[in-house]
N, C-alpha and C. Protein backbone atom coordinates (compact mmCIF):
# COMPACT_ATOMS: atom_id res chain seq x y z
N UNK A 1 0.85 -1.15 0.00
CA UNK A 1 0.00 0.00 0.00
C UNK A 1 0.91 1.23 0.00
N UNK A 2 0.63 2.18 -0.85
CA UNK A 2 1.46 3.38 -0.86
C UNK A 2 1.18 4.24 0.36
N UNK A 3 2.13 5.08 0.69
CA UNK A 3 1.94 6.01 1.80
C UNK A 3 0.94 7.08 1.39
N UNK A 4 0.09 7.46 2.31
CA UNK A 4 -0.86 8.54 2.06
C UNK A 4 -0.46 9.73 2.93
N UNK A 5 -0.63 10.92 2.38
CA UNK A 5 -0.19 12.12 3.06
C UNK A 5 -1.37 13.04 3.35
N UNK A 6 -1.25 13.79 4.41
CA UNK A 6 -2.28 14.73 4.83
C UNK A 6 -2.41 15.86 3.80
N UNK A 7 -3.64 16.16 3.37
CA UNK A 7 -3.80 17.26 2.42
C UNK A 7 -3.59 18.64 3.05
N UNK A 8 -3.60 18.72 4.38
CA UNK A 8 -3.41 20.01 5.05
C UNK A 8 -1.95 20.33 5.31
N UNK A 9 -1.22 19.36 5.88
CA UNK A 9 0.15 19.66 6.32
C UNK A 9 1.20 18.75 5.68
N UNK A 10 0.80 17.80 4.85
CA UNK A 10 1.71 16.92 4.09
C UNK A 10 2.46 15.92 4.96
N UNK A 11 2.01 15.64 6.17
CA UNK A 11 2.61 14.59 6.98
C UNK A 11 1.99 13.25 6.61
N UNK A 12 2.67 12.17 6.96
CA UNK A 12 2.17 10.84 6.65
C UNK A 12 0.95 10.53 7.51
N UNK A 13 -0.08 9.97 6.89
CA UNK A 13 -1.28 9.57 7.63
C UNK A 13 -1.07 8.18 8.23
N UNK A 14 -1.56 7.99 9.44
CA UNK A 14 -1.50 6.68 10.09
C UNK A 14 -2.91 6.13 10.22
N UNK A 15 -3.01 4.83 10.42
CA UNK A 15 -4.31 4.20 10.59
C UNK A 15 -4.56 3.99 12.07
N UNK A 16 -5.75 4.38 12.54
CA UNK A 16 -6.12 4.19 13.93
C UNK A 16 -7.59 3.82 14.00
N UNK A 17 -8.04 3.46 15.17
CA UNK A 17 -9.45 3.09 15.38
C UNK A 17 -10.12 4.19 16.19
N UNK A 18 -11.33 4.53 15.79
CA UNK A 18 -12.11 5.53 16.52
C UNK A 18 -13.49 4.99 16.80
N UNK A 19 -14.08 5.40 17.88
CA UNK A 19 -15.42 4.96 18.23
C UNK A 19 -16.44 5.94 17.66
N UNK A 20 -17.52 5.39 17.11
CA UNK A 20 -18.62 6.21 16.62
C UNK A 20 -19.91 5.68 17.21
N UNK A 21 -20.96 6.49 17.16
CA UNK A 21 -22.24 6.05 17.71
C UNK A 21 -22.88 4.97 16.84
N UNK A 22 -22.61 4.97 15.55
CA UNK A 22 -23.22 3.96 14.67
C UNK A 22 -22.45 2.65 14.66
N UNK A 23 -21.18 2.66 15.09
CA UNK A 23 -20.35 1.45 15.14
C UNK A 23 -19.79 1.29 16.56
N UNK A 24 -20.42 0.45 17.39
CA UNK A 24 -19.94 0.32 18.78
C UNK A 24 -18.52 -0.26 18.87
N UNK A 25 -18.11 -1.07 17.88
CA UNK A 25 -16.76 -1.64 17.91
C UNK A 25 -15.73 -0.64 17.38
N UNK A 26 -16.20 0.46 16.80
CA UNK A 26 -15.31 1.46 16.25
C UNK A 26 -15.07 1.22 14.77
N UNK A 27 -14.47 2.19 14.13
CA UNK A 27 -14.12 2.09 12.71
C UNK A 27 -12.67 2.54 12.55
N UNK A 28 -12.06 2.07 11.48
CA UNK A 28 -10.69 2.49 11.18
C UNK A 28 -10.73 3.82 10.45
N UNK A 29 -9.65 4.57 10.61
CA UNK A 29 -9.56 5.87 9.96
C UNK A 29 -8.11 6.18 9.67
N UNK A 30 -7.89 7.04 8.70
CA UNK A 30 -6.59 7.65 8.50
C UNK A 30 -6.58 8.90 9.36
N UNK A 31 -5.51 9.12 10.08
CA UNK A 31 -5.41 10.33 10.89
C UNK A 31 -4.03 10.94 10.75
N UNK A 32 -4.00 12.25 10.84
CA UNK A 32 -2.74 12.98 10.83
C UNK A 32 -2.35 13.22 12.28
N UNK A 33 -1.11 13.00 12.62
CA UNK A 33 -0.66 13.20 14.00
C UNK A 33 -0.18 14.63 14.26
N UNK A 34 -0.15 15.45 13.20
CA UNK A 34 0.30 16.83 13.38
C UNK A 34 -0.85 17.83 13.37
N UNK A 35 -1.97 17.48 12.74
CA UNK A 35 -3.11 18.39 12.68
C UNK A 35 -4.39 17.58 12.91
N UNK A 36 -5.54 18.19 13.03
CA UNK A 36 -6.76 17.43 13.34
C UNK A 36 -7.41 16.70 12.16
N UNK A 37 -6.73 16.55 11.04
CA UNK A 37 -7.32 15.89 9.86
C UNK A 37 -7.56 14.40 10.14
N UNK A 38 -8.71 13.89 9.75
CA UNK A 38 -9.00 12.46 9.81
C UNK A 38 -9.97 12.11 8.69
N UNK A 39 -9.86 10.88 8.21
CA UNK A 39 -10.73 10.39 7.15
C UNK A 39 -11.16 8.97 7.51
N UNK A 40 -12.45 8.74 7.65
CA UNK A 40 -12.97 7.42 8.00
C UNK A 40 -12.80 6.49 6.81
N UNK A 41 -12.32 5.28 7.08
CA UNK A 41 -12.15 4.29 6.01
C UNK A 41 -13.47 3.57 5.80
N UNK A 42 -14.05 3.74 4.63
CA UNK A 42 -15.33 3.10 4.34
C UNK A 42 -15.16 1.82 3.56
N UNK A 43 -14.03 1.63 2.93
CA UNK A 43 -13.78 0.38 2.23
C UNK A 43 -12.59 -0.31 2.90
N UNK A 44 -12.46 -1.58 2.67
CA UNK A 44 -11.36 -2.33 3.28
C UNK A 44 -10.08 -2.08 2.51
N UNK A 45 -9.04 -1.76 3.23
CA UNK A 45 -7.72 -1.57 2.65
C UNK A 45 -6.86 -2.74 3.05
N UNK A 46 -6.38 -3.47 2.05
CA UNK A 46 -5.44 -4.55 2.33
C UNK A 46 -4.61 -4.79 1.09
N UNK A 47 -3.52 -5.44 1.28
CA UNK A 47 -2.64 -5.80 0.18
C UNK A 47 -2.13 -7.19 0.46
N UNK A 48 -2.28 -8.07 -0.51
CA UNK A 48 -1.82 -9.44 -0.36
C UNK A 48 -0.53 -9.60 -1.14
N UNK A 49 0.51 -9.99 -0.46
CA UNK A 49 1.80 -10.17 -1.10
C UNK A 49 2.21 -11.63 -0.98
N UNK A 50 2.42 -12.25 -2.10
CA UNK A 50 2.88 -13.64 -2.10
C UNK A 50 4.39 -13.63 -1.87
N UNK A 51 4.81 -14.35 -0.86
CA UNK A 51 6.22 -14.44 -0.54
C UNK A 51 6.77 -15.73 -1.13
N UNK A 52 7.87 -15.63 -1.84
CA UNK A 52 8.46 -16.87 -2.35
C UNK A 52 9.58 -17.30 -1.42
N UNK A 53 9.68 -18.58 -1.25
CA UNK A 53 10.64 -19.12 -0.31
C UNK A 53 12.04 -19.01 -0.88
N UNK A 54 12.97 -18.61 -0.05
CA UNK A 54 14.35 -18.46 -0.46
C UNK A 54 14.95 -19.82 -0.74
N UNK A 55 15.72 -19.89 -1.82
CA UNK A 55 16.37 -21.15 -2.14
C UNK A 55 17.52 -21.40 -1.16
N UNK A 56 17.64 -22.63 -0.74
CA UNK A 56 18.67 -22.99 0.22
C UNK A 56 19.95 -23.33 -0.54
N UNK A 57 21.03 -22.67 -0.16
CA UNK A 57 22.32 -22.94 -0.78
C UNK A 57 23.07 -23.98 0.05
N UNK A 58 23.89 -24.74 -0.62
CA UNK A 58 24.72 -25.71 0.09
C UNK A 58 25.88 -24.93 0.72
N UNK A 59 25.79 -24.68 2.02
CA UNK A 59 26.83 -23.91 2.71
C UNK A 59 28.11 -24.73 2.77
N UNK A 60 27.98 -25.97 3.15
CA UNK A 60 29.10 -26.89 3.12
C UNK A 60 28.89 -27.78 1.91
N UNK A 61 29.97 -28.25 1.32
CA UNK A 61 29.88 -29.00 0.08
C UNK A 61 29.35 -30.42 0.24
N UNK A 62 28.79 -30.75 1.35
CA UNK A 62 28.26 -32.09 1.55
C UNK A 62 29.28 -32.98 2.24
N UNK A 63 29.08 -34.28 2.14
CA UNK A 63 29.94 -35.23 2.84
C UNK A 63 31.36 -35.26 2.27
N UNK A 64 31.53 -34.95 1.01
CA UNK A 64 32.84 -35.02 0.35
C UNK A 64 33.67 -33.75 0.52
N UNK A 65 33.18 -32.75 1.18
CA UNK A 65 33.90 -31.49 1.27
C UNK A 65 35.24 -31.63 1.99
N UNK A 66 35.28 -32.37 3.06
CA UNK A 66 36.50 -32.49 3.85
C UNK A 66 37.33 -33.71 3.49
N UNK A 67 36.99 -34.40 2.40
CA UNK A 67 37.73 -35.60 2.01
C UNK A 67 39.17 -35.26 1.65
N UNK A 68 39.43 -34.14 1.01
CA UNK A 68 40.78 -33.76 0.58
C UNK A 68 41.39 -32.66 1.45
N UNK A 69 40.81 -32.39 2.60
CA UNK A 69 41.31 -31.34 3.47
C UNK A 69 42.59 -31.78 4.17
N UNK A 70 43.47 -30.82 4.44
CA UNK A 70 44.70 -31.12 5.18
C UNK A 70 44.34 -31.47 6.62
N UNK A 71 45.14 -32.32 7.21
CA UNK A 71 44.93 -32.66 8.61
C UNK A 71 46.28 -32.63 9.33
N UNK A 72 46.24 -32.40 10.61
CA UNK A 72 47.44 -32.34 11.43
C UNK A 72 47.35 -33.43 12.49
N UNK A 73 48.41 -34.21 12.64
CA UNK A 73 48.37 -35.24 13.69
C UNK A 73 48.27 -34.60 15.07
N UNK A 74 47.63 -35.28 15.96
CA UNK A 74 47.46 -34.78 17.31
C UNK A 74 47.71 -35.92 18.28
N UNK A 75 48.18 -35.59 19.47
CA UNK A 75 48.42 -36.64 20.44
C UNK A 75 47.10 -37.23 20.94
N UNK A 76 46.00 -36.44 20.87
CA UNK A 76 44.72 -36.94 21.32
C UNK A 76 44.01 -37.71 20.22
N UNK A 77 44.24 -37.34 18.99
CA UNK A 77 43.62 -38.01 17.85
C UNK A 77 44.73 -38.46 16.89
N UNK A 78 45.27 -39.62 17.08
CA UNK A 78 46.37 -40.07 16.24
C UNK A 78 45.95 -40.10 14.75
N UNK A 79 46.80 -39.60 13.93
CA UNK A 79 46.55 -39.60 12.50
C UNK A 79 45.67 -38.44 12.06
N UNK A 80 45.28 -37.55 12.97
CA UNK A 80 44.47 -36.41 12.61
C UNK A 80 43.00 -36.71 12.50
N UNK A 81 42.59 -37.94 12.75
CA UNK A 81 41.18 -38.29 12.65
C UNK A 81 40.50 -38.06 13.96
N UNK A 82 39.25 -37.69 13.89
CA UNK A 82 38.48 -37.46 15.11
C UNK A 82 37.63 -38.64 15.41
């Protein structure tokens, strides 16, 4: 949804809920936080965005990645194997 701006002072309008006598649960409205401008929302505002799943990259090359890696002998792990 694009940003909407106040026609009086050009600040960004925010969405809030206000109580009215005809709607006991209240109604949504655009309101300016810098001046008394408000506009009751009479239609539903929504935007549906389909998110595509990120492809998973092979961070490590799999089981064969360390097959040719250098190893250092250790007194705790003879031959460099764990």
